[in-house]
N, C-alpha and C. Protein backbone atom coordinates (compact mmCIF):
# COMPACT_ATOMS: atom_id res chain seq x y z
N UNK A 1 34.79 -44.38 20.22
CA UNK A 1 34.14 -43.53 19.24
C UNK A 1 35.22 -43.45 18.05
N UNK A 2 34.52 -43.15 16.84
CA UNK A 2 35.54 -42.65 16.02
C UNK A 2 34.83 -41.49 15.32
N UNK A 3 35.54 -40.50 15.17
CA UNK A 3 35.47 -39.09 14.47
C UNK A 3 34.66 -39.13 13.61
N UNK A 4 33.98 -39.75 12.42
CA UNK A 4 32.59 -39.70 11.71
C UNK A 4 31.47 -40.10 12.66
N UNK A 5 31.54 -40.84 13.66
CA UNK A 5 30.36 -41.27 14.09
C UNK A 5 30.23 -39.62 15.05
N UNK A 6 31.57 -38.90 16.07
CA UNK A 6 31.19 -37.99 16.70
C UNK A 6 30.12 -36.64 16.17
N UNK A 7 31.03 -36.48 14.30
CA UNK A 7 30.35 -35.62 13.73
C UNK A 7 28.96 -35.56 13.48
N UNK A 8 28.11 -37.06 13.12
CA UNK A 8 26.54 -37.29 12.86
C UNK A 8 26.13 -37.20 13.70
N UNK A 9 26.95 -37.49 14.88
CA UNK A 9 26.07 -37.16 16.29
C UNK A 9 25.50 -35.58 16.79
N UNK A 10 26.85 -35.31 16.41
CA UNK A 10 26.44 -33.54 17.30
C UNK A 10 25.89 -32.93 15.98
N UNK A 11 25.53 -33.23 14.18
CA UNK A 11 25.27 -32.88 13.36
C UNK A 11 23.05 -33.34 13.86
N UNK A 12 23.18 -34.68 14.37
CA UNK A 12 22.09 -34.90 14.80
C UNK A 12 21.38 -33.73 15.93
N UNK A 13 22.26 -33.62 17.13
CA UNK A 13 21.59 -32.86 18.12
C UNK A 13 20.94 -31.16 17.55
N UNK A 14 22.31 -30.91 16.35
CA UNK A 14 21.74 -29.67 16.14
C UNK A 14 20.60 -29.86 15.26
N UNK A 15 20.34 -30.95 14.04
CA UNK A 15 19.17 -30.36 13.96
C UNK A 15 17.74 -30.74 15.11
N UNK A 16 18.06 -31.34 16.17
CA UNK A 16 16.89 -32.05 17.13
C UNK A 16 16.83 -30.05 17.33
N UNK A 17 17.70 -29.71 17.75
CA UNK A 17 17.72 -28.23 18.32
C UNK A 17 17.08 -27.47 17.95
N UNK A 18 17.32 -27.61 16.49
CA UNK A 18 16.47 -26.60 15.27
C UNK A 18 15.32 -26.74 14.90
N UNK A 19 14.75 -27.62 14.87
CA UNK A 19 13.56 -28.29 14.90
C UNK A 19 12.44 -27.70 16.14
N UNK A 20 13.72 -28.56 17.18
CA UNK A 20 12.79 -27.88 18.86
C UNK A 20 11.76 -26.87 18.82
N UNK A 21 13.28 -25.25 18.22
CA UNK A 21 12.78 -24.10 18.46
C UNK A 21 12.25 -23.51 17.19
N UNK A 22 11.78 -24.60 16.61
CA UNK A 22 10.98 -23.80 15.39
C UNK A 22 8.97 -24.86 15.79
N UNK A 23 9.16 -25.17 16.89
CA UNK A 23 7.86 -25.92 16.71
C UNK A 23 6.54 -24.65 16.99
N UNK A 24 7.32 -23.61 17.72
CA UNK A 24 5.88 -22.38 18.06
C UNK A 24 5.70 -21.77 16.99
N UNK A 25 6.42 -21.83 15.66
CA UNK A 25 6.54 -20.80 14.88
C UNK A 25 5.34 -21.34 13.95
N UNK A 26 4.59 -20.60 13.26
CA UNK A 26 3.71 -20.90 12.17
C UNK A 26 4.06 -21.19 11.22
N UNK A 27 3.60 -22.46 10.48
CA UNK A 27 4.24 -22.61 9.21
C UNK A 27 3.78 -21.58 7.66
N UNK A 28 5.04 -21.47 6.95
CA UNK A 28 4.42 -20.37 6.11
C UNK A 28 4.50 -21.16 4.92
N UNK A 29 4.22 -22.21 4.73
CA UNK A 29 4.21 -22.95 3.00
C UNK A 29 5.56 -21.99 2.11
N UNK A 30 4.72 -22.30 1.03
CA UNK A 30 5.86 -22.13 -0.47
C UNK A 30 5.89 -20.84 -0.72
N UNK A 31 6.92 -19.36 -1.40
CA UNK A 31 6.65 -18.65 -1.36
C UNK A 31 5.77 -18.59 -2.83
N UNK A 32 4.46 -17.91 -3.35
CA UNK A 32 3.73 -18.04 -4.47
C UNK A 32 3.61 -16.74 -4.23
N UNK A 33 3.35 -15.53 -5.97
CA UNK A 33 2.49 -14.98 -6.08
C UNK A 33 1.25 -15.01 -7.52
N UNK A 34 0.57 -14.01 -7.50
CA UNK A 34 -0.43 -13.73 -8.44
C UNK A 34 0.51 -13.04 -9.51
N UNK A 35 0.80 -13.46 -10.85
CA UNK A 35 0.91 -12.37 -11.88
C UNK A 35 0.52 -12.33 -13.13
N UNK A 36 0.29 -11.86 -13.89
CA UNK A 36 0.30 -11.43 -15.22
C UNK A 36 1.47 -11.18 -16.38
N UNK A 37 1.40 -11.79 -17.09
CA UNK A 37 2.73 -11.58 -18.38
C UNK A 37 2.36 -10.09 -18.87
N UNK A 38 3.63 -9.74 -19.34
CA UNK A 38 3.69 -8.20 -19.73
C UNK A 38 4.51 -8.61 -20.85
N UNK A 39 4.81 -7.46 -21.90
CA UNK A 39 6.68 -7.29 -22.43
C UNK A 39 7.11 -6.69 -22.36
N UNK A 40 8.23 -6.79 -22.24
CA UNK A 40 9.41 -6.01 -21.60
C UNK A 40 10.40 -5.84 -23.02
N UNK A 41 10.27 -6.03 -23.89
CA UNK A 41 10.99 -5.88 -25.18
C UNK A 41 10.58 -6.52 -25.58
N UNK A 42 11.29 -7.82 -26.17
CA UNK A 42 10.14 -8.96 -27.29
C UNK A 42 9.46 -9.55 -26.01
N UNK A 43 8.40 -9.92 -26.37
CA UNK A 43 7.53 -11.32 -25.86
C UNK A 43 7.98 -13.02 -26.62
N UNK A 44 8.24 -13.31 -25.36
CA UNK A 44 8.92 -15.16 -25.86
C UNK A 44 7.77 -15.37 -26.69
N UNK A 45 8.90 -16.28 -27.86
CA UNK A 45 7.85 -16.99 -29.04
C UNK A 45 7.38 -18.75 -28.68
N UNK A 46 8.59 -19.22 -27.79
CA UNK A 46 8.37 -20.34 -27.25
C UNK A 46 7.94 -20.35 -25.65
N UNK A 47 7.31 -22.08 -25.86
CA UNK A 47 6.83 -21.93 -24.45
C UNK A 47 8.09 -21.67 -23.14
N UNK A 48 9.04 -22.74 -22.97
CA UNK A 48 9.65 -23.17 -22.06
C UNK A 48 10.94 -21.95 -22.20
N UNK A 49 10.60 -20.74 -21.74
CA UNK A 49 11.53 -19.67 -21.50
C UNK A 49 10.74 -18.64 -20.23
N UNK A 50 11.69 -17.82 -20.50
CA UNK A 50 11.57 -16.40 -19.00
C UNK A 50 10.73 -15.86 -19.64
N UNK A 51 9.52 -15.21 -18.72
CA UNK A 51 8.70 -14.35 -19.21
C UNK A 51 8.38 -13.23 -18.27
N UNK A 52 8.53 -11.79 -19.02
CA UNK A 52 8.07 -10.83 -18.07
C UNK A 52 6.90 -11.14 -17.24
N UNK A 53 7.00 -10.60 -15.64
CA UNK A 53 5.45 -10.78 -14.99
C UNK A 53 5.16 -9.51 -14.22
N UNK A 54 3.90 -9.07 -14.04
CA UNK A 54 3.61 -7.76 -13.59
C UNK A 54 2.60 -8.66 -11.96
N UNK A 55 4.10 -8.63 -10.69
CA UNK A 55 3.06 -9.20 -9.83
C UNK A 55 1.73 -8.18 -9.73
N UNK A 56 0.31 -9.11 -9.34
CA UNK A 56 -0.94 -8.43 -8.91
C UNK A 56 -1.68 -8.97 -7.74
N UNK A 57 -2.28 -7.93 -7.76
CA UNK A 57 -3.28 -7.84 -6.46
C UNK A 57 -4.46 -8.86 -6.79
N UNK A 58 -5.41 -9.28 -5.67
CA UNK A 58 -6.75 -9.80 -6.46
C UNK A 58 -7.67 -8.43 -5.51
N UNK A 59 -8.84 -8.27 -6.34
CA UNK A 59 -9.80 -7.30 -5.99
C UNK A 59 -10.77 -7.91 -6.29
N UNK A 60 -11.76 -7.41 -5.47
CA UNK A 60 -13.71 -7.55 -6.11
C UNK A 60 -14.21 -8.17 -4.83
N UNK A 61 -15.40 -8.33 -4.27
CA UNK A 61 -16.22 -8.83 -3.50
C UNK A 61 -15.83 -10.13 -3.15
N UNK A 62 -16.14 -10.30 -1.83
CA UNK A 62 -15.64 -11.70 -1.52
C UNK A 62 -17.14 -12.31 -1.19
N UNK A 63 -17.45 -13.21 -2.24
CA UNK A 63 -18.41 -13.83 -2.11
C UNK A 63 -18.43 -14.76 -2.72
N UNK A 64 -19.03 -15.96 -2.43
CA UNK A 64 -19.25 -17.02 -3.41
C UNK A 64 -20.01 -16.78 -4.86
N UNK A 65 -19.38 -16.60 -5.48
CA UNK A 65 -19.52 -16.78 -7.37
C UNK A 65 -19.16 -15.04 -7.24
N UNK A 66 -18.71 -14.56 -6.97
CA UNK A 66 -18.10 -12.98 -6.80
C UNK A 66 -17.22 -12.92 -7.93
N UNK A 67 -17.41 -12.26 -9.43
CA UNK A 67 -16.03 -11.94 -10.12
C UNK A 67 -14.86 -11.17 -9.20
N UNK A 68 -13.78 -11.87 -9.38
CA UNK A 68 -12.20 -11.05 -9.23
C UNK A 68 -11.55 -10.07 -9.96
N UNK A 69 -10.87 -9.57 -9.76
CA UNK A 69 -10.04 -8.58 -10.85
C UNK A 69 -8.76 -8.59 -10.20
N UNK A 70 -7.91 -8.43 -11.41
CA UNK A 70 -6.51 -8.71 -11.01
C UNK A 70 -5.89 -7.04 -11.19
N UNK A 71 -5.21 -6.86 -9.81
CA UNK A 71 -4.95 -5.09 -10.26
C UNK A 71 -3.20 -5.36 -10.52
N UNK A 72 -2.93 -5.53 -10.92
CA UNK A 72 -1.25 -5.01 -11.44
C UNK A 72 -0.71 -4.17 -10.50
N UNK A 73 0.88 -4.52 -9.84
CA UNK A 73 1.43 -3.42 -9.18
C UNK A 73 2.21 -3.29 -10.20
N UNK A 74 2.34 -1.57 -10.13
CA UNK A 74 3.15 -0.62 -11.15
C UNK A 74 4.20 -0.87 -10.58
N UNK A 75 4.98 -0.50 -11.56
CA UNK A 75 6.65 -0.53 -11.24
C UNK A 75 7.21 -1.91 -10.80
N UNK A 76 6.79 -2.91 -10.71
CA UNK A 76 7.07 -4.13 -10.63
C UNK A 76 7.28 -4.89 -11.54
N UNK A 77 8.58 -5.42 -12.19
CA UNK A 77 8.68 -6.48 -12.99
C UNK A 77 9.15 -7.59 -12.53
N UNK A 78 8.65 -9.41 -12.56
CA UNK A 78 9.68 -9.97 -12.54
C UNK A 78 9.73 -10.81 -13.19
N UNK A 79 10.73 -11.77 -13.18
CA UNK A 79 10.93 -12.77 -14.83
C UNK A 79 10.70 -14.53 -14.67
N UNK A 80 9.84 -14.58 -14.85
CA UNK A 80 9.37 -16.05 -14.46
C UNK A 80 9.30 -17.04 -16.06
N UNK A 81 10.10 -18.58 -15.64
CA UNK A 81 9.89 -19.48 -16.13
C UNK A 81 8.58 -20.60 -16.57
N UNK A 82 8.55 -20.21 -17.76
CA UNK A 82 7.30 -20.84 -18.40
C UNK A 82 7.57 -22.67 -18.53
N UNK A 83 7.08 -23.96 -17.30
CA UNK A 83 7.47 -24.93 -17.32
C UNK A 83 6.50 -25.61 -18.35
N UNK A 84 5.34 -24.82 -18.78
CA UNK A 84 4.42 -25.98 -19.67
C UNK A 84 4.35 -25.74 -20.83
N UNK A 85 3.44 -26.23 -22.02
CA UNK A 85 3.61 -26.63 -23.30
C UNK A 85 3.55 -25.39 -23.84
N UNK A 86 2.48 -24.52 -23.76
CA UNK A 86 1.92 -23.46 -24.35
C UNK A 86 2.70 -21.84 -23.93
N UNK A 87 2.36 -20.86 -25.09
CA UNK A 87 2.65 -20.05 -24.87
C UNK A 87 1.69 -18.95 -24.41
N UNK A 88 1.64 -18.19 -23.28
CA UNK A 88 0.65 -17.61 -22.80
C UNK A 88 0.38 -16.45 -23.46
N UNK A 89 -0.68 -15.81 -23.60
CA UNK A 89 -1.04 -14.22 -24.44
C UNK A 89 -0.60 -13.49 -23.51
N UNK A 90 -0.50 -12.42 -24.04
CA UNK A 90 0.42 -11.67 -23.18
C UNK A 90 -1.17 -10.92 -22.30
N UNK A 91 -1.02 -10.58 -20.78
CA UNK A 91 -1.83 -10.95 -19.98
C UNK A 91 -2.40 -11.50 -19.77
N UNK A 92 -1.86 -12.58 -19.60
CA UNK A 92 -2.36 -14.00 -18.91
C UNK A 92 -2.16 -13.74 -17.38
N UNK A 93 -3.49 -14.07 -16.30
CA UNK A 93 -2.66 -14.70 -15.03
C UNK A 93 -2.29 -16.13 -15.07
N UNK A 94 -1.43 -16.12 -13.89
CA UNK A 94 -0.55 -17.33 -13.45
C UNK A 94 0.03 -16.92 -12.27
N UNK A 95 0.30 -18.45 -11.70
CA UNK A 95 0.51 -18.54 -10.58
C UNK A 95 2.30 -19.04 -10.51
N UNK A 96 3.19 -17.80 -9.77
CA UNK A 96 3.99 -18.27 -9.78
C UNK A 96 4.70 -18.68 -8.67
N UNK A 97 5.67 -19.86 -8.96
CA UNK A 97 6.07 -20.38 -7.01
C UNK A 97 7.87 -20.03 -7.78
N UNK A 98 8.43 -19.87 -6.24
CA UNK A 98 9.45 -19.81 -6.12
C UNK A 98 10.29 -21.22 -5.93
N UNK A 99 11.25 -21.29 -6.48
CA UNK A 99 11.92 -22.34 -6.60
C UNK A 99 13.50 -22.24 -6.72
N UNK A 100 14.08 -22.76 -5.87
CA UNK A 100 15.65 -21.94 -5.79
C UNK A 100 15.71 -21.18 -6.32
N UNK A 101 15.43 -19.80 -5.60
CA UNK A 101 15.49 -18.43 -6.12
C UNK A 101 15.02 -17.84 -7.42
N UNK A 102 14.13 -19.01 -8.22
CA UNK A 102 13.47 -18.07 -9.47
C UNK A 102 12.08 -18.61 -9.28
N UNK A 103 11.62 -17.70 -9.64
CA UNK A 103 9.93 -17.69 -9.91
C UNK A 103 9.76 -19.09 -11.41
N UNK A 104 8.58 -19.56 -11.01
CA UNK A 104 8.61 -20.57 -12.44
C UNK A 104 6.95 -20.71 -12.35
N UNK A 105 6.26 -20.77 -13.40
CA UNK A 105 4.57 -21.04 -13.17
C UNK A 105 4.41 -22.16 -14.67
N UNK A 106 3.55 -22.67 -14.63
CA UNK A 106 3.14 -23.38 -15.79
C UNK A 106 1.79 -23.12 -16.41
N UNK A 107 1.83 -23.24 -17.80
CA UNK A 107 0.97 -23.09 -18.72
C UNK A 107 0.78 -23.67 -19.97
N UNK A 108 -0.27 -24.48 -19.63
CA UNK A 108 -0.65 -25.32 -20.61
C UNK A 108 -1.38 -25.26 -21.31
N UNK A 109 -2.78 -23.97 -21.86
CA UNK A 109 -2.93 -23.34 -22.65
C UNK A 109 -4.87 -23.66 -22.17
């Protein structure tokens, strides 16, 4: 047996052990947050730029057709890249997703 094959088999065994150990863990999905765009310094004037966003909680009665309100978390600011084609107005609610350690959202108007 050659060395490369031994290394591949060890990697395969390691992956199988990791996969089987995670079998009882609940799926977590991707990281996402509800946020509102805000101004910290100068608001961007182009679509493909990083925007300051304030993470928000959702409030309101839980019922079909009930209105929701967004409650900004004070003291928290993140920066998210707009992958869309339009500049969102200040205060726009967006859903940001974590991609490679950065937040991003898509706003097309």
